[in-house]
PDB file of N, CA and C in Angstrom:
ATOM      1  N   MET A   1      47.205 -66.905 -44.528  1.00  0.00           N
ATOM      2  CA  MET A   1      46.351 -66.596 -43.132  1.00  0.00           C
ATOM      3  C   MET A   1      44.579 -66.216 -43.519  1.00  0.00           C
ATOM      4  N   GLN A   2      44.530 -65.445 -44.803  1.00  0.00           N
ATOM      5  CA  GLN A   2      43.144 -64.908 -45.058  1.00  0.00           C
ATOM      6  C   GLN A   2      42.339 -66.591 -44.891  1.00  0.00           C
ATOM      7  N   SER A   3      42.750 -67.654 -45.762  1.00  0.00           N
ATOM      8  CA  SER A   3      42.344 -68.739 -46.223  1.00  0.00           C
ATOM      9  C   SER A   3      41.601 -69.487 -44.709  1.00  0.00           C
ATOM     10  N   ARG A   4      42.010 -69.318 -43.623  1.00  0.00           N
ATOM     11  CA  ARG A   4      41.353 -69.637 -42.366  1.00  0.00           C
ATOM     12  C   ARG A   4      40.108 -68.931 -41.950  1.00  0.00           C
ATOM     13  N   TRP A   5      39.948 -67.654 -42.508  1.00  0.00           N
ATOM     14  CA  TRP A   5      39.057 -67.052 -41.918  1.00  0.00           C
ATOM     15  C   TRP A   5      37.590 -67.295 -42.312  1.00  0.00           C
ATOM     16  N   MET A   6      36.619 -67.392 -41.084  1.00  0.00           N
ATOM     17  CA  MET A   6      35.271 -67.683 -41.810  1.00  0.00           C
ATOM     18  C   MET A   6      34.743 -66.845 -42.360  1.00  0.00           C
ATOM     19  N   LEU A   7      34.965 -65.768 -42.887  1.00  0.00           N
ATOM     20  CA  LEU A   7      34.133 -65.269 -43.815  1.00  0.00           C
ATOM     21  C   LEU A   7      34.693 -65.538 -45.359  1.00  0.00           C
ATOM     22  N   LEU A   8      35.273 -66.238 -45.477  1.00  0.00           N
ATOM     23  CA  LEU A   8      36.384 -66.678 -46.528  1.00  0.00           C
ATOM     24  C   LEU A   8      35.851 -68.126 -46.960  1.00  0.00           C
ATOM     25  N   LYS A   9      35.291 -68.590 -46.097  1.00  0.00           N
ATOM     26  CA  LYS A   9      35.179 -70.043 -46.274  1.00  0.00           C
ATOM     27  C   LYS A   9      33.848 -70.160 -46.872  1.00  0.00           C
ATOM     28  N   ASN A  10      33.535 -71.412 -47.668  1.00  0.00           N
ATOM     29  CA  ASN A  10      32.452 -72.023 -48.206  1.00  0.00           C
ATOM     30  C   ASN A  10      31.916 -73.023 -47.370  1.00  0.00           C
ATOM     31  N   PRO A  11      30.705 -73.425 -47.660  1.00  0.00           N
ATOM     32  CA  PRO A  11      30.037 -74.058 -46.996  1.00  0.00           C
ATOM     33  C   PRO A  11      30.493 -75.401 -47.662  1.00  0.00           C
ATOM     34  N   PRO A  12      30.894 -76.426 -46.747  1.00  0.00           N
ATOM     35  CA  PRO A  12      30.082 -76.510 -45.361  1.00  0.00           C
ATOM     36  C   PRO A  12      30.855 -76.459 -44.075  1.00  0.00           C
ATOM     37  N   ASP A  13      31.946 -75.994 -44.362  1.00  0.00           N
ATOM     38  CA  ASP A  13      32.627 -74.913 -43.614  1.00  0.00           C
ATOM     39  C   ASP A  13      32.372 -73.517 -42.609  1.00  0.00           C
ATOM     40  N   HIS A  14      31.707 -72.798 -43.992  1.00  0.00           N
ATOM     41  CA  HIS A  14      31.727 -71.669 -43.469  1.00  0.00           C
ATOM     42  C   HIS A  14      30.143 -71.893 -42.204  1.00  0.00           C
ATOM     43  N   THR A  15      29.392 -72.837 -42.716  1.00  0.00           N
ATOM     44  CA  THR A  15      28.028 -73.126 -42.194  1.00  0.00           C
ATOM     45  C   THR A  15      28.331 -73.894 -40.697  1.00  0.00           C
ATOM     46  N   ARG A  16      29.437 -74.414 -40.495  1.00  0.00           N
ATOM     47  CA  ARG A  16      29.531 -75.169 -39.057  1.00  0.00           C
ATOM     48  C   ARG A  16      30.188 -73.862 -38.126  1.00  0.00           C
ATOM     49  N   LEU A  17      30.974 -73.256 -38.815  1.00  0.00           N
ATOM     50  CA  LEU A  17      31.532 -72.298 -37.906  1.00  0.00           C
ATOM     51  C   LEU A  17      30.587 -71.078 -37.689  1.00  0.00           C
ATOM     52  N   ARG A  18      29.457 -70.678 -38.585  1.00  0.00           N
ATOM     53  CA  ARG A  18      28.785 -69.939 -38.336  1.00  0.00           C
ATOM     54  C   ARG A  18      27.576 -70.318 -37.181  1.00  0.00           C
ATOM     55  N   LYS A  19      27.425 -71.337 -37.393  1.00  0.00           N
ATOM     56  CA  LYS A  19      26.530 -71.585 -36.054  1.00  0.00           C
ATOM     57  C   LYS A  19      27.389 -71.741 -34.519  1.00  0.00           C
ATOM     58  N   LEU A  20      28.438 -71.746 -34.675  1.00  0.00           N
ATOM     59  CA  LEU A  20      29.417 -71.862 -33.319  1.00  0.00           C
ATOM     60  C   LEU A  20      29.356 -70.329 -32.870  1.00  0.00           C
ATOM     61  N   VAL A  21      29.882 -69.364 -33.824  1.00  0.00           N
ATOM     62  CA  VAL A  21      29.962 -68.108 -33.326  1.00  0.00           C
ATOM     63  C   VAL A  21      28.451 -67.338 -33.408  1.00  0.00           C
ATOM     64  N   ALA A  22      27.594 -67.765 -34.007  1.00  0.00           N
ATOM     65  CA  ALA A  22      26.151 -67.154 -33.869  1.00  0.00           C
ATOM     66  C   ALA A  22      25.422 -67.246 -32.513  1.00  0.00           C
ATOM     67  N   LYS A  23      26.158 -67.833 -31.551  1.00  0.00           N
ATOM     68  CA  LYS A  23      25.876 -67.640 -29.856  1.00  0.00           C
ATOM     69  C   LYS A  23      26.356 -66.277 -29.567  1.00  0.00           C
ATOM     70  N   ALA A  24      27.480 -66.178 -29.743  1.00  0.00           N
ATOM     71  CA  ALA A  24      27.901 -64.972 -29.383  1.00  0.00           C
ATOM     72  C   ALA A  24      27.488 -63.773 -29.652  1.00  0.00           C
ATOM     73  N   PHE A  25      26.206 -63.631 -30.845  1.00  0.00           N
ATOM     74  CA  PHE A  25      25.864 -62.448 -31.334  1.00  0.00           C
ATOM     75  C   PHE A  25      24.502 -62.657 -31.579  1.00  0.00           C
ATOM     76  N   THR A  26      23.995 -62.463 -30.265  1.00  0.00           N
ATOM     77  CA  THR A  26      22.501 -62.196 -29.874  1.00  0.00           C
ATOM     78  C   THR A  26      22.242 -60.966 -29.931  1.00  0.00           C
ATOM     79  N   PRO A  27      20.971 -60.896 -30.047  1.00  0.00           N
ATOM     80  CA  PRO A  27      20.769 -59.283 -29.893  1.00  0.00           C
ATOM     81  C   PRO A  27      21.201 -58.328 -28.526  1.00  0.00           C
ATOM     82  N   ARG A  28      20.801 -58.959 -27.583  1.00  0.00           N
ATOM     83  CA  ARG A  28      21.165 -58.087 -26.490  1.00  0.00           C
ATOM     84  C   ARG A  28      23.205 -57.514 -26.945  1.00  0.00           C
ATOM     85  N   VAL A  29      23.827 -58.829 -27.166  1.00  0.00           N
ATOM     86  CA  VAL A  29      25.327 -58.526 -27.385  1.00  0.00           C
ATOM     87  C   VAL A  29      25.685 -57.445 -28.352  1.00  0.00           C
ATOM     88  N   VAL A  30      24.792 -57.428 -29.540  1.00  0.00           N
ATOM     89  CA  VAL A  30      24.904 -56.713 -30.802  1.00  0.00           C
ATOM     90  C   VAL A  30      24.422 -55.236 -30.427  1.00  0.00           C
ATOM     91  N   GLU A  31      23.292 -55.265 -29.679  1.00  0.00           N
ATOM     92  CA  GLU A  31      23.042 -53.799 -28.971  1.00  0.00           C
ATOM     93  C   GLU A  31      24.063 -53.094 -28.147  1.00  0.00           C
ATOM     94  N   ASN A  32      24.854 -53.985 -27.468  1.00  0.00           N
ATOM     95  CA  ASN A  32      26.025 -53.427 -26.434  1.00  0.00           C
ATOM     96  C   ASN A  32      27.203 -53.169 -27.395  1.00  0.00           C
ATOM     97  N   MET A  33      27.311 -53.720 -28.770  1.00  0.00           N
ATOM     98  CA  MET A  33      28.373 -53.373 -29.332  1.00  0.00           C
ATOM     99  C   MET A  33      28.059 -52.150 -30.123  1.00  0.00           C
ATOM    100  N   ARG A  34      26.564 -51.707 -30.612  1.00  0.00           N
ATOM    101  CA  ARG A  34      26.384 -50.761 -31.568  1.00  0.00           C
ATOM    102  C   ARG A  34      27.406 -49.671 -31.455  1.00  0.00           C
ATOM    103  N   THR A  35      27.181 -48.986 -30.194  1.00  0.00           N
ATOM    104  CA  THR A  35      28.025 -47.481 -30.180  1.00  0.00           C
ATOM    105  C   THR A  35      29.445 -47.719 -30.422  1.00  0.00           C
ATOM    106  N   HIS A  36      30.101 -48.856 -30.343  1.00  0.00           N
ATOM    107  CA  HIS A  36      31.611 -48.917 -30.817  1.00  0.00           C
ATOM    108  C   HIS A  36      31.524 -48.946 -32.323  1.00  0.00           C
ATOM    109  N   ILE A  37      30.419 -49.955 -32.790  1.00  0.00           N
ATOM    110  CA  ILE A  37      30.566 -50.220 -34.190  1.00  0.00           C
ATOM    111  C   ILE A  37      30.423 -48.759 -35.091  1.00  0.00           C
ATOM    112  N   GLN A  38      29.524 -48.065 -34.158  1.00  0.00           N
ATOM    113  CA  GLN A  38      29.067 -46.923 -35.032  1.00  0.00           C
ATOM    114  C   GLN A  38      30.121 -45.577 -35.143  1.00  0.00           C
ATOM    115  N   ASP A  39      30.899 -45.623 -33.970  1.00  0.00           N
ATOM    116  CA  ASP A  39      31.871 -44.904 -33.748  1.00  0.00           C
ATOM    117  C   ASP A  39      33.273 -45.424 -34.874  1.00  0.00           C
ATOM    118  N   SER A  40      33.337 -46.786 -34.564  1.00  0.00           N
ATOM    119  CA  SER A  40      34.276 -47.550 -35.625  1.00  0.00           C
ATOM    120  C   SER A  40      34.133 -46.907 -37.271  1.00  0.00           C
ATOM    121  N   VAL A  41      32.707 -47.183 -37.291  1.00  0.00           N
ATOM    122  CA  VAL A  41      32.230 -47.038 -38.801  1.00  0.00           C
ATOM    123  C   VAL A  41      32.479 -45.515 -39.394  1.00  0.00           C
ATOM    124  N   TYR A  42      32.142 -44.219 -38.143  1.00  0.00           N
ATOM    125  CA  TYR A  42      32.333 -42.975 -38.283  1.00  0.00           C
ATOM    126  C   TYR A  42      34.035 -42.422 -38.648  1.00  0.00           C
ATOM    127  N   ASP A  43      34.670 -43.191 -37.368  1.00  0.00           N
ATOM    128  CA  ASP A  43      36.366 -43.049 -37.966  1.00  0.00           C
ATOM    129  C   ASP A  43      36.641 -43.528 -39.454  1.00  0.00           C
ATOM    130  N   LEU A  44      36.367 -44.677 -39.667  1.00  0.00           N
ATOM    131  CA  LEU A  44      36.876 -45.043 -40.877  1.00  0.00           C
ATOM    132  C   LEU A  44      36.355 -44.253 -42.153  1.00  0.00           C
ATOM    133  N   LEU A  45      35.357 -43.404 -41.828  1.00  0.00           N
ATOM    134  CA  LEU A  45      34.682 -42.797 -42.992  1.00  0.00           C
ATOM    135  C   LEU A  45      35.183 -41.227 -42.585  1.00  0.00           C
ATOM    136  N   ASP A  46      35.594 -40.882 -41.882  1.00  0.00           N
ATOM    137  CA  ASP A  46      36.566 -39.553 -41.217  1.00  0.00           C
ATOM    138  C   ASP A  46      37.839 -39.655 -41.983  1.00  0.00           C
ATOM    139  N   THR A  47      38.371 -41.019 -41.657  1.00  0.00           N
ATOM    140  CA  THR A  47      39.695 -41.217 -42.239  1.00  0.00           C
ATOM    141  C   THR A  47      40.056 -40.921 -44.280  1.00  0.00           C
ATOM    142  N   VAL A  48      38.808 -41.407 -44.766  1.00  0.00           N
ATOM    143  CA  VAL A  48      38.792 -41.188 -46.354  1.00  0.00           C
ATOM    144  C   VAL A  48      38.377 -40.172 -46.893  1.00  0.00           C
ATOM    145  N   GLN A  49      37.385 -39.003 -45.677  1.00  0.00           N
ATOM    146  CA  GLN A  49      36.782 -38.023 -46.371  1.00  0.00           C
ATOM    147  C   GLN A  49      37.787 -37.100 -47.144  1.00  0.00           C
ATOM    148  N   THR A  50      39.047 -37.098 -46.937  1.00  0.00           N
ATOM    149  CA  THR A  50      39.760 -35.833 -47.408  1.00  0.00           C
ATOM    150  C   THR A  50      40.207 -36.625 -48.581  1.00  0.00           C
ATOM    151  N   ARG A  51      40.353 -37.488 -49.108  1.00  0.00           N
ATOM    152  CA  ARG A  51      40.755 -38.503 -50.148  1.00  0.00           C
ATOM    153  C   ARG A  51      39.834 -38.130 -51.247  1.00  0.00           C
ATOM    154  N   ARG A  52      40.242 -38.242 -52.371  1.00  0.00           N
ATOM    155  CA  ARG A  52      39.521 -37.895 -53.517  1.00  0.00           C
ATOM    156  C   ARG A  52      38.557 -39.444 -53.921  1.00  0.00           C
ATOM    157  N   ARG A  53      38.783 -40.453 -53.558  1.00  0.00           N
ATOM    158  CA  ARG A  53      38.280 -41.914 -54.065  1.00  0.00           C
ATOM    159  C   ARG A  53      37.970 -42.591 -52.427  1.00  0.00           C
ATOM    160  N   PHE A  54      37.075 -43.470 -52.727  1.00  0.00           N
ATOM    161  CA  PHE A  54      36.645 -44.185 -51.495  1.00  0.00           C
ATOM    162  C   PHE A  54      36.381 -45.545 -52.025  1.00  0.00           C
ATOM    163  N   ASP A  55      36.825 -46.663 -51.609  1.00  0.00           N
ATOM    164  CA  ASP A  55      36.481 -48.039 -52.068  1.00  0.00           C
ATOM    165  C   ASP A  55      35.986 -48.401 -50.795  1.00  0.00           C
ATOM    166  N   ILE A  56      34.994 -49.032 -50.885  1.00  0.00           N
ATOM    167  CA  ILE A  56      33.984 -49.717 -49.856  1.00  0.00           C
ATOM    168  C   ILE A  56      34.696 -50.737 -49.131  1.00  0.00           C
ATOM    169  N   ILE A  57      34.919 -51.509 -50.182  1.00  0.00           N
ATOM    170  CA  ILE A  57      35.648 -52.815 -49.842  1.00  0.00           C
ATOM    171  C   ILE A  57      36.813 -52.555 -48.724  1.00  0.00           C
ATOM    172  N   GLN A  58      37.850 -52.160 -49.705  1.00  0.00           N
ATOM    173  CA  GLN A  58      39.126 -51.739 -48.814  1.00  0.00           C
ATOM    174  C   GLN A  58      38.969 -50.837 -47.909  1.00  0.00           C
ATOM    175  N   ASP A  59      38.511 -49.558 -47.563  1.00  0.00           N
ATOM    176  CA  ASP A  59      38.233 -48.458 -46.707  1.00  0.00           C
ATOM    177  C   ASP A  59      37.133 -48.693 -45.572  1.00  0.00           C
ATOM    178  N   LEU A  60      36.205 -49.932 -45.753  1.00  0.00           N
ATOM    179  CA  LEU A  60      34.955 -49.578 -44.640  1.00  0.00           C
ATOM    180  C   LEU A  60      34.935 -51.528 -44.827  1.00  0.00           C
ATOM    181  N   ALA A  61      34.474 -52.344 -45.225  1.00  0.00           N
ATOM    182  CA  ALA A  61      33.892 -53.453 -45.360  1.00  0.00           C
ATOM    183  C   ALA A  61      35.186 -54.414 -44.794  1.00  0.00           C
ATOM    184  N   PHE A  62      36.572 -54.262 -45.165  1.00  0.00           N
ATOM    185  CA  PHE A  62      37.389 -54.858 -45.049  1.00  0.00           C
ATOM    186  C   PHE A  62      38.017 -54.467 -43.372  1.00  0.00           C
ATOM    187  N   PRO A  63      38.554 -53.646 -42.986  1.00  0.00           N
ATOM    188  CA  PRO A  63      38.633 -52.982 -41.686  1.00  0.00           C
ATOM    189  C   PRO A  63      37.583 -53.010 -40.567  1.00  0.00           C
ATOM    190  N   LEU A  64      36.464 -53.080 -41.039  1.00  0.00           N
ATOM    191  CA  LEU A  64      35.144 -52.836 -39.881  1.00  0.00           C
ATOM    192  C   LEU A  64      35.246 -54.151 -39.191  1.00  0.00           C
ATOM    193  N   PRO A  65      35.372 -55.537 -39.576  1.00  0.00           N
ATOM    194  CA  PRO A  65      35.047 -56.511 -38.895  1.00  0.00           C
ATOM    195  C   PRO A  65      36.533 -56.870 -38.034  1.00  0.00           C
ATOM    196  N   VAL A  66      37.691 -56.361 -38.694  1.00  0.00           N
ATOM    197  CA  VAL A  66      38.705 -56.849 -37.518  1.00  0.00           C
ATOM    198  C   VAL A  66      38.890 -55.771 -36.594  1.00  0.00           C
ATOM    199  N   ILE A  67      38.116 -54.591 -36.719  1.00  0.00           N
ATOM    200  CA  ILE A  67      37.882 -53.681 -35.673  1.00  0.00           C
ATOM    201  C   ILE A  67      36.871 -54.418 -34.530  1.00  0.00           C
ATOM    202  N   VAL A  68      35.729 -54.847 -34.997  1.00  0.00           N
ATOM    203  CA  VAL A  68      34.748 -55.244 -34.046  1.00  0.00           C
ATOM    204  C   VAL A  68      35.466 -56.819 -33.440  1.00  0.00           C
ATOM    205  N   LYS A  69      35.915 -57.693 -34.404  1.00  0.00           N
ATOM    206  CA  LYS A  69      36.374 -58.598 -33.661  1.00  0.00           C
ATOM    207  C   LYS A  69      37.618 -58.208 -32.535  1.00  0.00           C
ATOM    208  N   ALA A  70      38.364 -57.331 -32.570  1.00  0.00           N
ATOM    209  CA  ALA A  70      38.915 -56.866 -31.478  1.00  0.00           C
ATOM    210  C   ALA A  70      38.367 -56.281 -30.266  1.00  0.00           C
ATOM    211  N   LEU A  71      36.770 -56.175 -30.249  1.00  0.00           N
ATOM    212  CA  LEU A  71      35.973 -55.721 -29.024  1.00  0.00           C
ATOM    213  C   LEU A  71      35.961 -56.851 -28.083  1.00  0.00           C
ATOM    214  N   PRO A  72      35.801 -56.550 -26.636  1.00  0.00           N
ATOM    215  CA  PRO A  72      35.342 -57.487 -25.487  1.00  0.00           C
ATOM    216  C   PRO A  72      34.051 -57.722 -25.930  1.00  0.00           C
ATOM    217  N   VAL A  73      33.814 -59.225 -25.903  1.00  0.00           N
ATOM    218  CA  VAL A  73      32.412 -59.774 -25.862  1.00  0.00           C
ATOM    219  C   VAL A  73      32.057 -59.843 -24.386  1.00  0.00           C
ATOM    220  N   VAL A  74      30.360 -59.382 -24.252  1.00  0.00           N
ATOM    221  CA  VAL A  74      30.145 -59.531 -22.909  1.00  0.00           C
ATOM    222  C   VAL A  74      29.018 -60.142 -23.275  1.00  0.00           C
ATOM    223  N   PHE A  75      28.525 -61.395 -22.576  1.00  0.00           N
ATOM    224  CA  PHE A  75      27.655 -62.266 -22.522  1.00  0.00           C
ATOM    225  C   PHE A  75      26.323 -62.091 -21.477  1.00  0.00           C
TER     226      PHE A  75
END
């Protein structure tokens, strides 16, 4: 399933897909998402705060795009 993710694609497939989704991430749209994204990052960091280790990929970079993808996008 992960082989179909845009983030894991190489050019030219990634470039083609990036052009398509870039239209959904205008500065206005991203600004409207800011609070939710910040809250999501804080939640993820709160989750790992009590642990003795932190893996930035596993604990933050991997789950964050999935959480953000779940946001309703308002154009």
